[in-house]
Amino acid sequence: MAQDPHDGATVGEPTETTAASARTDKSNARREEILDIAADFFVTNGFHATTVRDLADAANVSQPTLYYHVGNKVNILVLLHQSVIDVLLEPLEELANSDRDPRDKLRRFIEIQTDTIERYHSRMVAFFRERHALPDEASELMQDGRDRLDAALDNILLDGQKRGIFRDIALPSARISIMGTLHWYAICVRPGSRRRPHEYADDFSRLLMSGLSTEAPENQLSGFTEN
């Protein structure tokens, strides 16, 4: 077999690094599969009624293998939450720090969330319904991600207030209104609904903007841009 003149490795022969990367990819894929199965079980049967054996059987793995990939049921809830937070944080923080019009940023913030809810619906619903089952120490592990998500939204709202576009409403009140709307969207709307996520995002934006905006209603969406 030919040698690569640059590093002396045999061309076409898997390296140790390549093999390790393939094993990691396979392990990650298996973990994601188990998390999806667990989310569906938690939504359908509830956290407490679901056993580790149920999850292992559905995933066609042994219980020790399931523990290896995702840990116990409490850890699965943490992973379900963290997997969605990891998807959301980078685009939302980048959006919050951009120089786009605050109205456009708020609308896009809502749209990213509705799109993510559609994509990870079972994971989000499972967590929302069952987070009461988490011990305090597990909840604390997730606090940093939630704080960063809140900070991104607060930055958008503050930007709008500084520019005179949004009314001077207390940030916690505005944040609860926005995140509460998205929370109930996740609970009430099933994936594949006739109305698409961006349509809900448009409606939510208009409703929320009517309370936030300092402008006349006909001008409240004037800062929105096409994505």
C-alpha atoms as a PDB file:
ATOM      1  CA  MET A   1       0.000   0.000   0.000  1.00  0.00           C
ATOM      2  CA  ALA A   2       1.336   3.449  -0.942  1.00  0.00           C
ATOM      3  CA  GLN A   3       2.940   5.724   1.625  1.00  0.00           C
ATOM      4  CA  ASP A   4       1.877   9.320   2.154  1.00  0.00           C
ATOM      5  CA  PRO A   5       5.067  11.315   1.457  1.00  0.00           C
ATOM      6  CA  HIS A   6       4.066  13.981   3.981  1.00  0.00           C
ATOM      7  CA  ASP A   7       3.836  11.884   7.137  1.00  0.00           C
ATOM      8  CA  GLY A   8       4.915   8.393   6.259  1.00  0.00           C
ATOM      9  CA  ALA A   9       1.493   6.905   7.106  1.00  0.00           C
ATOM     10  CA  THR A  10       0.105   4.188   4.894  1.00  0.00           C
ATOM     11  CA  VAL A  11      -2.477   5.703   2.555  1.00  0.00           C
ATOM     12  CA  GLY A  12      -5.933   4.272   3.161  1.00  0.00           C
ATOM     13  CA  GLU A  13      -4.956   2.649   6.461  1.00  0.00           C
ATOM     14  CA  PRO A  14      -7.072   3.942   9.382  1.00  0.00           C
ATOM     15  CA  THR A  15      -4.997   5.814  11.918  1.00  0.00           C
ATOM     16  CA  GLU A  16      -5.489   5.524  15.666  1.00  0.00           C
ATOM     17  CA  THR A  17      -6.989   9.007  15.707  1.00  0.00           C
ATOM     18  CA  THR A  18      -9.424   8.187  12.888  1.00  0.00           C
ATOM     19  CA  ALA A  19     -10.533   4.991  14.604  1.00  0.00           C
ATOM     20  CA  ALA A  20     -11.034   6.823  17.910  1.00  0.00           C
ATOM     21  CA  SER A  21     -13.045   9.522  16.146  1.00  0.00           C
ATOM     22  CA  ALA A  22     -15.255   6.886  14.506  1.00  0.00           C
ATOM     23  CA  ARG A  23     -15.887   5.244  17.885  1.00  0.00           C
ATOM     24  CA  THR A  24     -16.776   8.626  19.389  1.00  0.00           C
ATOM     25  CA  ASP A  25     -19.179   9.396  16.540  1.00  0.00           C
ATOM     26  CA  LYS A  26     -20.839   6.022  16.965  1.00  0.00           C
ATOM     27  CA  SER A  27     -21.121   6.497  20.724  1.00  0.00           C
ATOM     28  CA  ASN A  28     -22.594   9.988  20.304  1.00  0.00           C
ATOM     29  CA  ALA A  29     -25.116   8.711  17.766  1.00  0.00           C
ATOM     30  CA  ARG A  30     -26.154   5.938  20.151  1.00  0.00           C
ATOM     31  CA  ARG A  31     -26.530   8.433  22.997  1.00  0.00           C
ATOM     32  CA  GLU A  32     -28.728  10.705  20.865  1.00  0.00           C
ATOM     33  CA  GLU A  33     -30.880   7.726  19.892  1.00  0.00           C
ATOM     34  CA  ILE A  34     -31.337   6.736  23.544  1.00  0.00           C
ATOM     35  CA  LEU A  35     -32.191  10.315  24.527  1.00  0.00           C
ATOM     36  CA  ASP A  36     -34.910  10.473  21.860  1.00  0.00           C
ATOM     37  CA  ILE A  37     -36.333   7.163  23.061  1.00  0.00           C
ATOM     38  CA  ALA A  38     -36.264   8.344  26.681  1.00  0.00           C
ATOM     39  CA  ALA A  39     -37.945  11.646  25.798  1.00  0.00           C
ATOM     40  CA  ASP A  40     -40.784   9.812  24.033  1.00  0.00           C
ATOM     41  CA  PHE A  41     -41.243   7.473  27.013  1.00  0.00           C
ATOM     42  CA  PHE A  42     -41.271  10.356  29.504  1.00  0.00           C
ATOM     43  CA  VAL A  43     -43.857  12.260  27.436  1.00  0.00           C
ATOM     44  CA  THR A  44     -46.087   9.206  26.932  1.00  0.00           C
ATOM     45  CA  ASN A  45     -45.754   7.373  30.253  1.00  0.00           C
ATOM     46  CA  GLY A  46     -44.218   9.901  32.621  1.00  0.00           C
ATOM     47  CA  PHE A  47     -40.808   9.961  34.276  1.00  0.00           C
ATOM     48  CA  HIS A  48     -41.660   7.867  37.327  1.00  0.00           C
ATOM     49  CA  ALA A  49     -43.570   5.189  35.401  1.00  0.00           C
ATOM     50  CA  THR A  50     -40.676   4.688  32.979  1.00  0.00           C
ATOM     51  CA  THR A  51     -38.018   2.201  34.069  1.00  0.00           C
ATOM     52  CA  VAL A  52     -34.429   1.861  32.957  1.00  0.00           C
ATOM     53  CA  ARG A  53     -35.360  -1.599  31.656  1.00  0.00           C
ATOM     54  CA  ASP A  54     -38.069  -0.005  29.483  1.00  0.00           C
ATOM     55  CA  LEU A  55     -35.495   2.308  27.944  1.00  0.00           C
ATOM     56  CA  ALA A  56     -32.867  -0.397  27.497  1.00  0.00           C
ATOM     57  CA  ASP A  57     -35.342  -2.755  25.838  1.00  0.00           C
ATOM     58  CA  ALA A  58     -36.608  -0.024  23.493  1.00  0.00           C
ATOM     59  CA  ALA A  59     -33.050   0.913  22.564  1.00  0.00           C
ATOM     60  CA  ASN A  60     -32.101  -2.766  22.173  1.00  0.00           C
ATOM     61  CA  VAL A  61     -29.168  -2.453  24.573  1.00  0.00           C
ATOM     62  CA  SER A  62     -28.353  -3.907  27.953  1.00  0.00           C
ATOM     63  CA  GLN A  63     -28.961  -1.840  31.084  1.00  0.00           C
ATOM     64  CA  PRO A  64     -25.202  -1.453  31.748  1.00  0.00           C
ATOM     65  CA  THR A  65     -24.757  -0.201  28.176  1.00  0.00           C
ATOM     66  CA  LEU A  66     -27.556   2.303  28.663  1.00  0.00           C
ATOM     67  CA  TYR A  67     -25.956   3.543  31.899  1.00  0.00           C
ATOM     68  CA  TYR A  68     -22.654   3.892  30.048  1.00  0.00           C
ATOM     69  CA  HIS A  69     -24.167   6.159  27.392  1.00  0.00           C
ATOM     70  CA  VAL A  70     -26.623   8.276  29.400  1.00  0.00           C
ATOM     71  CA  GLY A  71     -26.418   7.414  33.086  1.00  0.00           C
ATOM     72  CA  ASN A  72     -29.524   7.108  35.267  1.00  0.00           C
ATOM     73  CA  LYS A  73     -32.959   8.613  34.673  1.00  0.00           C
ATOM     74  CA  VAL A  74     -32.144  11.858  36.467  1.00  0.00           C
ATOM     75  CA  ASN A  75     -29.051  12.282  34.340  1.00  0.00           C
ATOM     76  CA  ILE A  76     -31.145  11.634  31.230  1.00  0.00           C
ATOM     77  CA  LEU A  77     -33.391  14.574  32.151  1.00  0.00           C
ATOM     78  CA  VAL A  78     -30.316  16.750  32.555  1.00  0.00           C
ATOM     79  CA  LEU A  79     -28.982  15.607  29.170  1.00  0.00           C
ATOM     80  CA  LEU A  80     -32.334  16.278  27.482  1.00  0.00           C
ATOM     81  CA  HIS A  81     -32.256  19.844  28.778  1.00  0.00           C
ATOM     82  CA  GLN A  82     -28.582  20.389  27.991  1.00  0.00           C
ATOM     83  CA  SER A  83     -28.876  19.052  24.445  1.00  0.00           C
ATOM     84  CA  VAL A  84     -31.465  21.705  23.597  1.00  0.00           C
ATOM     85  CA  ILE A  85     -29.632  24.494  25.432  1.00  0.00           C
ATOM     86  CA  ASP A  86     -26.467  23.627  23.488  1.00  0.00           C
ATOM     87  CA  VAL A  87     -28.357  24.066  20.207  1.00  0.00           C
ATOM     88  CA  LEU A  88     -29.881  27.387  21.276  1.00  0.00           C
ATOM     89  CA  LEU A  89     -27.069  29.260  22.994  1.00  0.00           C
ATOM     90  CA  GLU A  90     -24.655  29.985  20.157  1.00  0.00           C
ATOM     91  CA  PRO A  91     -27.175  31.429  17.662  1.00  0.00           C
ATOM     92  CA  LEU A  92     -29.098  33.329  20.349  1.00  0.00           C
ATOM     93  CA  GLU A  93     -25.998  34.888  21.911  1.00  0.00           C
ATOM     94  CA  GLU A  94     -24.673  35.819  18.469  1.00  0.00           C
ATOM     95  CA  LEU A  95     -28.059  37.370  17.655  1.00  0.00           C
ATOM     96  CA  ALA A  96     -28.198  39.311  20.926  1.00  0.00           C
ATOM     97  CA  ASN A  97     -24.735  40.779  20.310  1.00  0.00           C
ATOM     98  CA  SER A  98     -25.464  41.776  16.701  1.00  0.00           C
ATOM     99  CA  ASP A  99     -26.293  45.302  15.553  1.00  0.00           C
ATOM    100  CA  ARG A 100     -29.628  44.311  13.975  1.00  0.00           C
ATOM    101  CA  ASP A 101     -32.756  46.281  14.798  1.00  0.00           C
ATOM    102  CA  PRO A 102     -34.028  45.177  18.248  1.00  0.00           C
ATOM    103  CA  ARG A 103     -37.461  44.383  16.787  1.00  0.00           C
ATOM    104  CA  ASP A 104     -35.862  42.103  14.238  1.00  0.00           C
ATOM    105  CA  LYS A 105     -33.691  40.534  16.934  1.00  0.00           C
ATOM    106  CA  LEU A 106     -36.679  39.812  19.137  1.00  0.00           C
ATOM    107  CA  ARG A 107     -38.630  38.306  16.263  1.00  0.00           C
ATOM    108  CA  ARG A 108     -35.640  36.164  15.264  1.00  0.00           C
ATOM    109  CA  PHE A 109     -35.107  35.119  18.907  1.00  0.00           C
ATOM    110  CA  ILE A 110     -38.673  33.829  18.967  1.00  0.00           C
ATOM    111  CA  GLU A 111     -38.328  32.127  15.576  1.00  0.00           C
ATOM    112  CA  ILE A 112     -35.141  30.287  16.578  1.00  0.00           C
ATOM    113  CA  GLN A 113     -36.978  29.017  19.637  1.00  0.00           C
ATOM    114  CA  THR A 114     -40.077  27.860  17.720  1.00  0.00           C
ATOM    115  CA  ASP A 115     -37.893  26.110  15.134  1.00  0.00           C
ATOM    116  CA  THR A 116     -35.940  24.360  17.901  1.00  0.00           C
ATOM    117  CA  ILE A 117     -39.135  23.334  19.680  1.00  0.00           C
ATOM    118  CA  GLU A 118     -40.361  21.752  16.436  1.00  0.00           C
ATOM    119  CA  ARG A 119     -37.063  19.888  16.021  1.00  0.00           C
ATOM    120  CA  TYR A 120     -36.664  18.735  19.641  1.00  0.00           C
ATOM    121  CA  HIS A 121     -40.291  18.695  20.714  1.00  0.00           C
ATOM    122  CA  SER A 122     -40.282  15.491  22.778  1.00  0.00           C
ATOM    123  CA  ARG A 123     -37.086  16.458  24.570  1.00  0.00           C
ATOM    124  CA  MET A 124     -38.411  19.868  25.552  1.00  0.00           C
ATOM    125  CA  VAL A 125     -41.858  18.650  26.604  1.00  0.00           C
ATOM    126  CA  ALA A 126     -40.317  15.813  28.615  1.00  0.00           C
ATOM    127  CA  PHE A 127     -38.118  18.247  30.485  1.00  0.00           C
ATOM    128  CA  PHE A 128     -40.846  20.853  31.077  1.00  0.00           C
ATOM    129  CA  ARG A 129     -43.231  18.229  32.452  1.00  0.00           C
ATOM    130  CA  GLU A 130     -40.744  16.285  34.540  1.00  0.00           C
ATOM    131  CA  ARG A 131     -38.191  18.816  35.811  1.00  0.00           C
ATOM    132  CA  HIS A 132     -39.834  18.661  39.241  1.00  0.00           C
ATOM    133  CA  ALA A 133     -38.236  15.199  39.510  1.00  0.00           C
ATOM    134  CA  LEU A 134     -34.741  16.700  39.502  1.00  0.00           C
ATOM    135  CA  PRO A 135     -32.901  17.034  42.809  1.00  0.00           C
ATOM    136  CA  ASP A 136     -31.555  20.475  43.674  1.00  0.00           C
ATOM    137  CA  GLU A 137     -27.984  19.588  42.750  1.00  0.00           C
ATOM    138  CA  ALA A 138     -29.062  18.512  39.258  1.00  0.00           C
ATOM    139  CA  SER A 139     -31.021  21.727  38.758  1.00  0.00           C
ATOM    140  CA  GLU A 140     -27.967  23.739  39.763  1.00  0.00           C
ATOM    141  CA  LEU A 141     -25.920  22.010  37.050  1.00  0.00           C
ATOM    142  CA  MET A 142     -28.225  23.508  34.412  1.00  0.00           C
ATOM    143  CA  GLN A 143     -28.410  27.006  35.856  1.00  0.00           C
ATOM    144  CA  ASP A 144     -25.534  28.445  33.812  1.00  0.00           C
ATOM    145  CA  GLY A 145     -27.216  27.600  30.504  1.00  0.00           C
ATOM    146  CA  ARG A 146     -30.528  29.080  31.617  1.00  0.00           C
ATOM    147  CA  ASP A 147     -28.780  32.211  32.882  1.00  0.00           C
ATOM    148  CA  ARG A 148     -27.030  32.670  29.538  1.00  0.00           C
ATOM    149  CA  LEU A 149     -30.304  32.223  27.669  1.00  0.00           C
ATOM    150  CA  ASP A 150     -31.990  34.804  29.896  1.00  0.00           C
ATOM    151  CA  ALA A 151     -29.049  37.174  29.436  1.00  0.00           C
ATOM    152  CA  ALA A 152     -29.328  36.951  25.643  1.00  0.00           C
ATOM    153  CA  LEU A 153     -32.993  37.921  25.791  1.00  0.00           C
ATOM    154  CA  ASP A 154     -32.296  40.670  28.330  1.00  0.00           C
ATOM    155  CA  ASN A 155     -29.628  42.123  26.021  1.00  0.00           C
ATOM    156  CA  ILE A 156     -32.145  42.336  23.184  1.00  0.00           C
ATOM    157  CA  LEU A 157     -34.744  43.998  25.396  1.00  0.00           C
ATOM    158  CA  LEU A 158     -32.223  46.434  26.874  1.00  0.00           C
ATOM    159  CA  ASP A 159     -30.994  47.346  23.405  1.00  0.00           C
ATOM    160  CA  GLY A 160     -34.553  48.141  22.388  1.00  0.00           C
ATOM    161  CA  GLN A 161     -35.115  50.221  25.519  1.00  0.00           C
ATOM    162  CA  LYS A 162     -31.894  52.193  25.037  1.00  0.00           C
ATOM    163  CA  ARG A 163     -32.872  53.016  21.467  1.00  0.00           C
ATOM    164  CA  GLY A 164     -36.348  54.104  22.554  1.00  0.00           C
ATOM    165  CA  ILE A 165     -37.994  51.299  20.574  1.00  0.00           C
ATOM    166  CA  PHE A 166     -39.193  49.211  23.543  1.00  0.00           C
ATOM    167  CA  ARG A 167     -41.022  50.568  26.539  1.00  0.00           C
ATOM    168  CA  ASP A 168     -39.266  50.710  29.900  1.00  0.00           C
ATOM    169  CA  ILE A 169     -40.786  47.492  31.228  1.00  0.00           C
ATOM    170  CA  ALA A 170     -38.999  45.561  33.975  1.00  0.00           C
ATOM    171  CA  LEU A 171     -36.853  42.898  32.325  1.00  0.00           C
ATOM    172  CA  PRO A 172     -38.091  39.988  34.475  1.00  0.00           C
ATOM    173  CA  SER A 173     -41.704  40.802  33.546  1.00  0.00           C
ATOM    174  CA  ALA A 174     -40.921  41.052  29.827  1.00  0.00           C
ATOM    175  CA  ARG A 175     -38.791  37.908  29.936  1.00  0.00           C
ATOM    176  CA  ILE A 176     -41.479  35.870  31.691  1.00  0.00           C
ATOM    177  CA  SER A 177     -44.049  36.987  29.115  1.00  0.00           C
ATOM    178  CA  ILE A 178     -41.849  35.951  26.194  1.00  0.00           C
ATOM    179  CA  MET A 179     -40.482  32.707  27.609  1.00  0.00           C
ATOM    180  CA  GLY A 180     -43.880  31.765  29.023  1.00  0.00           C
ATOM    181  CA  THR A 181     -45.404  32.094  25.555  1.00  0.00           C
ATOM    182  CA  LEU A 182     -42.718  29.816  24.135  1.00  0.00           C
ATOM    183  CA  HIS A 183     -43.129  27.349  27.006  1.00  0.00           C
ATOM    184  CA  TRP A 184     -46.844  26.942  26.283  1.00  0.00           C
ATOM    185  CA  TYR A 185     -46.179  26.742  22.555  1.00  0.00           C
ATOM    186  CA  ALA A 186     -43.991  23.697  23.245  1.00  0.00           C
ATOM    187  CA  ILE A 187     -46.655  22.112  25.445  1.00  0.00           C
ATOM    188  CA  CYS A 188     -49.682  22.840  23.247  1.00  0.00           C
ATOM    189  CA  VAL A 189     -48.509  22.579  19.627  1.00  0.00           C
ATOM    190  CA  ARG A 190     -47.439  19.258  18.165  1.00  0.00           C
ATOM    191  CA  PRO A 191     -44.784  18.904  15.445  1.00  0.00           C
ATOM    192  CA  GLY A 192     -46.189  18.823  11.930  1.00  0.00           C
ATOM    193  CA  SER A 193     -49.002  21.228  12.748  1.00  0.00           C
ATOM    194  CA  ARG A 194     -50.655  22.813   9.704  1.00  0.00           C
ATOM    195  CA  ARG A 195     -49.299  26.153  10.913  1.00  0.00           C
ATOM    196  CA  ARG A 196     -45.534  26.235  10.662  1.00  0.00           C
ATOM    197  CA  PRO A 197     -43.174  27.434  13.413  1.00  0.00           C
ATOM    198  CA  HIS A 198     -42.363  30.692  11.613  1.00  0.00           C
ATOM    199  CA  GLU A 199     -46.076  31.487  11.404  1.00  0.00           C
ATOM    200  CA  TYR A 200     -46.419  31.090  15.144  1.00  0.00           C
ATOM    201  CA  ALA A 201     -43.264  33.188  15.568  1.00  0.00           C
ATOM    202  CA  ASP A 202     -44.858  35.968  13.505  1.00  0.00           C
ATOM    203  CA  ASP A 203     -48.024  35.924  15.599  1.00  0.00           C
ATOM    204  CA  PHE A 204     -46.178  35.782  18.908  1.00  0.00           C
ATOM    205  CA  SER A 205     -43.950  38.656  17.805  1.00  0.00           C
ATOM    206  CA  ARG A 206     -46.918  40.834  16.934  1.00  0.00           C
ATOM    207  CA  LEU A 207     -48.695  40.079  20.197  1.00  0.00           C
ATOM    208  CA  LEU A 208     -45.622  40.674  22.334  1.00  0.00           C
ATOM    209  CA  MET A 209     -44.521  43.714  20.374  1.00  0.00           C
ATOM    210  CA  SER A 210     -47.870  45.397  20.986  1.00  0.00           C
ATOM    211  CA  GLY A 211     -46.991  45.466  24.678  1.00  0.00           C
ATOM    212  CA  LEU A 212     -43.313  46.315  24.274  1.00  0.00           C
ATOM    213  CA  SER A 213     -43.253  48.858  21.475  1.00  0.00           C
ATOM    214  CA  THR A 214     -43.260  52.632  21.977  1.00  0.00           C
ATOM    215  CA  GLU A 215     -44.502  53.087  18.399  1.00  0.00           C
ATOM    216  CA  ALA A 216     -47.931  53.112  16.839  1.00  0.00           C
ATOM    217  CA  PRO A 217     -49.229  49.602  16.043  1.00  0.00           C
ATOM    218  CA  GLU A 218     -48.823  50.006  12.273  1.00  0.00           C
ATOM    219  CA  ASN A 219     -45.102  50.698  12.727  1.00  0.00           C
ATOM    220  CA  GLN A 220     -44.262  48.015  15.266  1.00  0.00           C
ATOM    221  CA  LEU A 221     -42.908  45.532  12.715  1.00  0.00           C
ATOM    222  CA  SER A 222     -41.103  48.037  10.539  1.00  0.00           C
ATOM    223  CA  GLY A 223     -37.692  46.919  11.717  1.00  0.00           C
ATOM    224  CA  PHE A 224     -38.203  43.287  10.717  1.00  0.00           C
ATOM    225  CA  THR A 225     -36.038  42.011   7.893  1.00  0.00           C
ATOM    226  CA  GLU A 226     -36.233  38.931   5.741  1.00  0.00           C
ATOM    227  CA  ASN A 227     -34.036  36.079   6.966  1.00  0.00           C
END
